[in-house]
Amino acid sequence: MIIDTKGPGSFRLRALACLGLWLVVSLGALLAPGCYGRNCEGGVESFGEEITEGHMVTADVWESSGQHDKWLWFPRQHAFFFDVPALGGRIPYETTAYLSAEEEPNKNGTFAQAGGNVAIFSGVGPNRVDVRNDTCSDYYLRLVVKVPPLPPAVADSGSAPRSPVTDGGALPPDDDAGAPDRR
């Protein structure tokens, strides 16, 4: 079929073709996935307060789930508030987020260390760190938190210190008894 581009109906034909092309492109954009509308609304979840939520690997390292366990579902625009009493009031100095497209990456897939907007850290404080997935993609998360060692405990000798008042006026024995006077 030959289209007459100079006749009186050619303008209408071109306008109709442009309108059809615009409708096809618009429909394709509406059906394509992406972050628009309400499909990227996220949620907020607290994790770590229960004894079954995460565990201490060493005295100074906590993880949300084991390397070979099921990882936490970390959907688009979701935030986790990790409140971990097991950290003993210490402030994390290193937090590492690992992500996978699979719930059990060591059985079914791979994982990588998170970077960029896929794991944004904030709210770091005693027993606490917050992580947000600021993308429109869904992942599984494993969080590892390192804290400084606890200060050494004060040794308790098991007996109360002696005092001249409570011991009937007697002073504790002099450790230098019998040593020559060095005046």
C-alpha atoms as a PDB file:
ATOM      1  CA  MET A   1       0.000   0.000   0.000  1.00  0.00           C
ATOM      2  CA  ILE A   2       1.314   3.392  -0.960  1.00  0.00           C
ATOM      3  CA  ILE A   3       0.456   6.308   1.316  1.00  0.00           C
ATOM      4  CA  ASP A   4      -0.038   9.656  -0.324  1.00  0.00           C
ATOM      5  CA  THR A   5       1.942  12.092   1.869  1.00  0.00           C
ATOM      6  CA  LYS A   6       0.738  15.142  -0.035  1.00  0.00           C
ATOM      7  CA  GLY A   7      -2.984  14.556  -0.146  1.00  0.00           C
ATOM      8  CA  PRO A   8      -5.617  16.121   2.150  1.00  0.00           C
ATOM      9  CA  GLY A   9      -5.874  13.007   4.434  1.00  0.00           C
ATOM     10  CA  SER A  10      -2.138  12.603   5.007  1.00  0.00           C
ATOM     11  CA  PHE A  11      -2.057  15.016   7.965  1.00  0.00           C
ATOM     12  CA  ARG A  12      -4.757  13.020   9.728  1.00  0.00           C
ATOM     13  CA  LEU A  13      -2.978   9.800   8.996  1.00  0.00           C
ATOM     14  CA  ARG A  14       0.313  11.105  10.459  1.00  0.00           C
ATOM     15  CA  ALA A  15      -1.460  12.502  13.528  1.00  0.00           C
ATOM     16  CA  LEU A  16      -3.226   9.179  14.058  1.00  0.00           C
ATOM     17  CA  ALA A  17       0.084   7.285  13.721  1.00  0.00           C
ATOM     18  CA  CYS A  18       1.761   9.602  16.265  1.00  0.00           C
ATOM     19  CA  LEU A  19      -1.138   9.185  18.674  1.00  0.00           C
ATOM     20  CA  GLY A  20      -0.944   5.397  18.321  1.00  0.00           C
ATOM     21  CA  LEU A  21       2.815   5.435  18.934  1.00  0.00           C
ATOM     22  CA  TRP A  22       2.338   7.663  22.004  1.00  0.00           C
ATOM     23  CA  LEU A  23      -0.307   5.266  23.395  1.00  0.00           C
ATOM     24  CA  VAL A  24       1.956   2.226  22.905  1.00  0.00           C
ATOM     25  CA  VAL A  25       4.933   3.924  24.622  1.00  0.00           C
ATOM     26  CA  SER A  26       2.747   5.187  27.499  1.00  0.00           C
ATOM     27  CA  LEU A  27       1.166   1.780  28.027  1.00  0.00           C
ATOM     28  CA  GLY A  28       4.626   0.169  28.076  1.00  0.00           C
ATOM     29  CA  ALA A  29       5.835   2.661  30.688  1.00  0.00           C
ATOM     30  CA  LEU A  30       2.810   1.984  32.881  1.00  0.00           C
ATOM     31  CA  LEU A  31       3.268  -1.770  32.743  1.00  0.00           C
ATOM     32  CA  ALA A  32       7.032  -1.722  33.335  1.00  0.00           C
ATOM     33  CA  PRO A  33       8.235  -2.173  36.939  1.00  0.00           C
ATOM     34  CA  GLY A  34       9.778   0.768  38.692  1.00  0.00           C
ATOM     35  CA  CYS A  35       9.592   3.077  41.692  1.00  0.00           C
ATOM     36  CA  TYR A  36       6.568   5.206  41.090  1.00  0.00           C
ATOM     37  CA  GLY A  37       3.171   5.466  42.648  1.00  0.00           C
ATOM     38  CA  ARG A  38       2.687   3.371  45.780  1.00  0.00           C
ATOM     39  CA  ASN A  39       4.590   0.258  44.749  1.00  0.00           C
ATOM     40  CA  CYS A  40       7.717   1.341  46.644  1.00  0.00           C
ATOM     41  CA  GLU A  41       6.208   2.104  50.020  1.00  0.00           C
ATOM     42  CA  GLY A  42       8.282   0.445  52.685  1.00  0.00           C
ATOM     43  CA  GLY A  43       7.876  -0.531  56.267  1.00  0.00           C
ATOM     44  CA  VAL A  44       9.746  -0.418  59.551  1.00  0.00           C
ATOM     45  CA  GLU A  45      10.653  -3.383  61.712  1.00  0.00           C
ATOM     46  CA  SER A  46      12.475  -3.825  65.014  1.00  0.00           C
ATOM     47  CA  PHE A  47      14.877  -6.743  65.363  1.00  0.00           C
ATOM     48  CA  GLY A  48      17.299  -8.080  67.964  1.00  0.00           C
ATOM     49  CA  GLU A  49      15.417  -7.616  71.222  1.00  0.00           C
ATOM     50  CA  GLU A  50      14.233 -11.221  71.450  1.00  0.00           C
ATOM     51  CA  ILE A  51      16.734 -13.917  72.396  1.00  0.00           C
ATOM     52  CA  THR A  52      15.896 -15.777  69.154  1.00  0.00           C
ATOM     53  CA  GLU A  53      16.677 -12.720  66.989  1.00  0.00           C
ATOM     54  CA  GLY A  54      20.348 -12.891  66.109  1.00  0.00           C
ATOM     55  CA  HIS A  55      23.190 -14.055  68.320  1.00  0.00           C
ATOM     56  CA  MET A  56      26.649 -13.195  69.585  1.00  0.00           C
ATOM     57  CA  VAL A  57      29.347 -14.933  67.524  1.00  0.00           C
ATOM     58  CA  THR A  58      32.078 -13.869  69.957  1.00  0.00           C
ATOM     59  CA  ALA A  59      32.013 -11.580  72.987  1.00  0.00           C
ATOM     60  CA  ASP A  60      32.364  -8.600  70.626  1.00  0.00           C
ATOM     61  CA  VAL A  61      30.589  -9.674  67.396  1.00  0.00           C
ATOM     62  CA  TRP A  62      26.825 -10.019  66.814  1.00  0.00           C
ATOM     63  CA  GLU A  63      25.079 -11.255  63.665  1.00  0.00           C
ATOM     64  CA  SER A  64      21.433 -11.102  62.648  1.00  0.00           C
ATOM     65  CA  SER A  65      21.587 -14.621  61.223  1.00  0.00           C
ATOM     66  CA  GLY A  66      24.290 -17.183  60.702  1.00  0.00           C
ATOM     67  CA  GLN A  67      26.204 -17.402  57.453  1.00  0.00           C
ATOM     68  CA  HIS A  68      24.437 -20.661  56.540  1.00  0.00           C
ATOM     69  CA  ASP A  69      21.019 -19.804  58.046  1.00  0.00           C
ATOM     70  CA  LYS A  70      18.031 -18.087  56.472  1.00  0.00           C
ATOM     71  CA  TRP A  71      18.630 -14.358  56.102  1.00  0.00           C
ATOM     72  CA  LEU A  72      16.191 -11.535  56.891  1.00  0.00           C
ATOM     73  CA  TRP A  73      13.721 -10.466  54.203  1.00  0.00           C
ATOM     74  CA  PHE A  74      14.794  -6.923  53.264  1.00  0.00           C
ATOM     75  CA  PRO A  75      12.203  -5.572  50.818  1.00  0.00           C
ATOM     76  CA  ARG A  76      12.276  -2.259  48.984  1.00  0.00           C
ATOM     77  CA  GLN A  77      12.158   0.907  51.102  1.00  0.00           C
ATOM     78  CA  HIS A  78      12.209  -1.170  54.306  1.00  0.00           C
ATOM     79  CA  ALA A  79      14.006  -0.137  57.496  1.00  0.00           C
ATOM     80  CA  PHE A  80      15.249  -2.360  60.300  1.00  0.00           C
ATOM     81  CA  PHE A  81      15.872  -0.908  63.755  1.00  0.00           C
ATOM     82  CA  PHE A  82      18.363  -3.311  65.300  1.00  0.00           C
ATOM     83  CA  ASP A  83      18.127  -2.972  69.093  1.00  0.00           C
ATOM     84  CA  VAL A  84      20.459  -5.594  70.560  1.00  0.00           C
ATOM     85  CA  PRO A  85      20.676  -5.775  74.384  1.00  0.00           C
ATOM     86  CA  ALA A  86      23.329  -8.530  74.024  1.00  0.00           C
ATOM     87  CA  LEU A  87      25.825  -5.808  73.037  1.00  0.00           C
ATOM     88  CA  GLY A  88      25.923  -4.754  76.698  1.00  0.00           C
ATOM     89  CA  GLY A  89      25.441  -1.010  76.127  1.00  0.00           C
ATOM     90  CA  ARG A  90      28.408  -0.767  73.743  1.00  0.00           C
ATOM     91  CA  ILE A  91      28.355   1.408  70.623  1.00  0.00           C
ATOM     92  CA  PRO A  92      29.110  -0.438  67.362  1.00  0.00           C
ATOM     93  CA  TYR A  93      32.295   0.663  65.615  1.00  0.00           C
ATOM     94  CA  GLU A  94      31.788  -1.500  62.521  1.00  0.00           C
ATOM     95  CA  THR A  95      28.612  -2.663  60.817  1.00  0.00           C
ATOM     96  CA  THR A  96      28.607  -4.797  57.685  1.00  0.00           C
ATOM     97  CA  ALA A  97      25.527  -5.615  55.613  1.00  0.00           C
ATOM     98  CA  TYR A  98      25.524  -8.607  53.288  1.00  0.00           C
ATOM     99  CA  LEU A  99      22.790  -8.967  50.655  1.00  0.00           C
ATOM    100  CA  SER A 100      21.492 -11.786  48.522  1.00  0.00           C
ATOM    101  CA  ALA A 101      18.625 -12.375  46.130  1.00  0.00           C
ATOM    102  CA  GLU A 102      18.147 -15.743  47.846  1.00  0.00           C
ATOM    103  CA  GLU A 103      16.976 -16.415  51.396  1.00  0.00           C
ATOM    104  CA  GLU A 104      19.695 -19.028  51.888  1.00  0.00           C
ATOM    105  CA  PRO A 105      22.518 -17.807  49.659  1.00  0.00           C
ATOM    106  CA  ASN A 106      24.947 -20.591  50.570  1.00  0.00           C
ATOM    107  CA  LYS A 107      22.462 -23.217  49.356  1.00  0.00           C
ATOM    108  CA  ASN A 108      20.782 -21.528  46.405  1.00  0.00           C
ATOM    109  CA  GLY A 109      22.749 -18.520  45.280  1.00  0.00           C
ATOM    110  CA  THR A 110      25.379 -15.929  46.017  1.00  0.00           C
ATOM    111  CA  PHE A 111      25.758 -12.876  48.227  1.00  0.00           C
ATOM    112  CA  ALA A 112      27.701  -9.632  48.271  1.00  0.00           C
ATOM    113  CA  GLN A 113      28.604  -6.885  50.686  1.00  0.00           C
ATOM    114  CA  ALA A 114      26.043  -4.078  50.402  1.00  0.00           C
ATOM    115  CA  GLY A 115      26.963  -0.664  49.098  1.00  0.00           C
ATOM    116  CA  GLY A 116      25.210   2.540  48.114  1.00  0.00           C
ATOM    117  CA  ASN A 117      21.537   3.116  48.811  1.00  0.00           C
ATOM    118  CA  VAL A 118      20.739  -0.553  49.204  1.00  0.00           C
ATOM    119  CA  ALA A 119      21.885  -0.439  52.857  1.00  0.00           C
ATOM    120  CA  ILE A 120      21.970   2.993  54.485  1.00  0.00           C
ATOM    121  CA  PHE A 121      23.128   2.991  58.114  1.00  0.00           C
ATOM    122  CA  SER A 122      21.915   5.496  60.710  1.00  0.00           C
ATOM    123  CA  GLY A 123      20.995   5.724  64.385  1.00  0.00           C
ATOM    124  CA  VAL A 124      24.197   4.111  65.630  1.00  0.00           C
ATOM    125  CA  GLY A 125      24.243   4.210  69.432  1.00  0.00           C
ATOM    126  CA  PRO A 126      24.477   1.968  72.502  1.00  0.00           C
ATOM    127  CA  ASN A 127      23.035  -1.446  71.528  1.00  0.00           C
ATOM    128  CA  ARG A 128      21.630   0.034  68.321  1.00  0.00           C
ATOM    129  CA  VAL A 129      22.028   0.492  64.568  1.00  0.00           C
ATOM    130  CA  ASP A 130      19.401   1.183  61.909  1.00  0.00           C
ATOM    131  CA  VAL A 131      19.594  -0.061  58.309  1.00  0.00           C
ATOM    132  CA  ARG A 132      17.369   1.063  55.443  1.00  0.00           C
ATOM    133  CA  ASN A 133      16.950  -0.347  51.938  1.00  0.00           C
ATOM    134  CA  ASP A 134      16.498   2.887  49.997  1.00  0.00           C
ATOM    135  CA  THR A 135      15.928   1.180  46.647  1.00  0.00           C
ATOM    136  CA  CYS A 136      12.997  -0.414  44.845  1.00  0.00           C
ATOM    137  CA  SER A 137      14.593  -3.856  44.834  1.00  0.00           C
ATOM    138  CA  ASP A 138      14.036  -6.707  47.261  1.00  0.00           C
ATOM    139  CA  TYR A 139      16.867  -8.596  48.942  1.00  0.00           C
ATOM    140  CA  TYR A 140      17.754 -10.738  51.929  1.00  0.00           C
ATOM    141  CA  LEU A 141      19.971  -9.212  54.623  1.00  0.00           C
ATOM    142  CA  ARG A 142      22.576 -10.476  57.050  1.00  0.00           C
ATOM    143  CA  LEU A 143      23.980  -7.837  59.401  1.00  0.00           C
ATOM    144  CA  VAL A 144      27.241  -8.245  61.328  1.00  0.00           C
ATOM    145  CA  VAL A 145      27.975  -5.757  64.131  1.00  0.00           C
ATOM    146  CA  LYS A 146      31.318  -5.354  65.902  1.00  0.00           C
ATOM    147  CA  VAL A 147      31.629  -3.582  69.240  1.00  0.00           C
ATOM    148  CA  PRO A 148      34.638  -2.755  71.442  1.00  0.00           C
ATOM    149  CA  PRO A 149      35.437  -5.171  74.279  1.00  0.00           C
ATOM    150  CA  LEU A 150      33.726  -4.664  77.606  1.00  0.00           C
ATOM    151  CA  PRO A 151      35.963  -3.029  80.229  1.00  0.00           C
ATOM    152  CA  PRO A 152      37.532  -5.533  82.626  1.00  0.00           C
ATOM    153  CA  ALA A 153      35.418  -6.314  85.638  1.00  0.00           C
ATOM    154  CA  VAL A 154      36.607  -4.964  88.978  1.00  0.00           C
ATOM    155  CA  ALA A 155      38.011  -7.867  90.986  1.00  0.00           C
ATOM    156  CA  ASP A 156      36.132  -8.539  94.207  1.00  0.00           C
ATOM    157  CA  SER A 157      38.365  -9.957  96.967  1.00  0.00           C
ATOM    158  CA  GLY A 158      35.331 -11.361  98.705  1.00  0.00           C
ATOM    159  CA  SER A 159      35.790  -9.393 101.963  1.00  0.00           C
ATOM    160  CA  ALA A 160      34.899  -5.887 102.952  1.00  0.00           C
ATOM    161  CA  PRO A 161      37.792  -3.427 103.378  1.00  0.00           C
ATOM    162  CA  ARG A 162      38.955  -2.937 106.966  1.00  0.00           C
ATOM    163  CA  SER A 163      38.421   0.351 108.712  1.00  0.00           C
ATOM    164  CA  PRO A 164      39.640   1.658 112.106  1.00  0.00           C
ATOM    165  CA  VAL A 165      36.073   2.659 112.888  1.00  0.00           C
ATOM    166  CA  THR A 166      34.379  -0.666 112.127  1.00  0.00           C
ATOM    167  CA  ASP A 167      37.224  -2.860 113.382  1.00  0.00           C
ATOM    168  CA  GLY A 168      37.236  -1.459 116.899  1.00  0.00           C
ATOM    169  CA  GLY A 169      39.996   1.056 116.239  1.00  0.00           C
ATOM    170  CA  ALA A 170      42.567  -1.470 115.027  1.00  0.00           C
ATOM    171  CA  LEU A 171      44.479  -0.478 111.928  1.00  0.00           C
ATOM    172  CA  PRO A 172      45.276  -2.987 109.223  1.00  0.00           C
ATOM    173  CA  PRO A 173      48.719  -4.567 109.546  1.00  0.00           C
ATOM    174  CA  ASP A 174      51.581  -2.591 108.063  1.00  0.00           C
ATOM    175  CA  ASP A 175      53.041  -4.375 105.028  1.00  0.00           C
ATOM    176  CA  ASP A 176      56.411  -2.792 105.744  1.00  0.00           C
ATOM    177  CA  ALA A 177      56.627  -4.159 109.301  1.00  0.00           C
ATOM    178  CA  GLY A 178      60.195  -4.886 110.198  1.00  0.00           C
ATOM    179  CA  ALA A 179      61.621  -3.006 107.219  1.00  0.00           C
ATOM    180  CA  PRO A 180      64.299  -0.414 107.973  1.00  0.00           C
ATOM    181  CA  ASP A 181      63.139   3.181 108.253  1.00  0.00           C
ATOM    182  CA  ARG A 182      64.179   5.160 105.131  1.00  0.00           C
ATOM    183  CA  ARG A 183      63.921   8.700 106.443  1.00  0.00           C
END
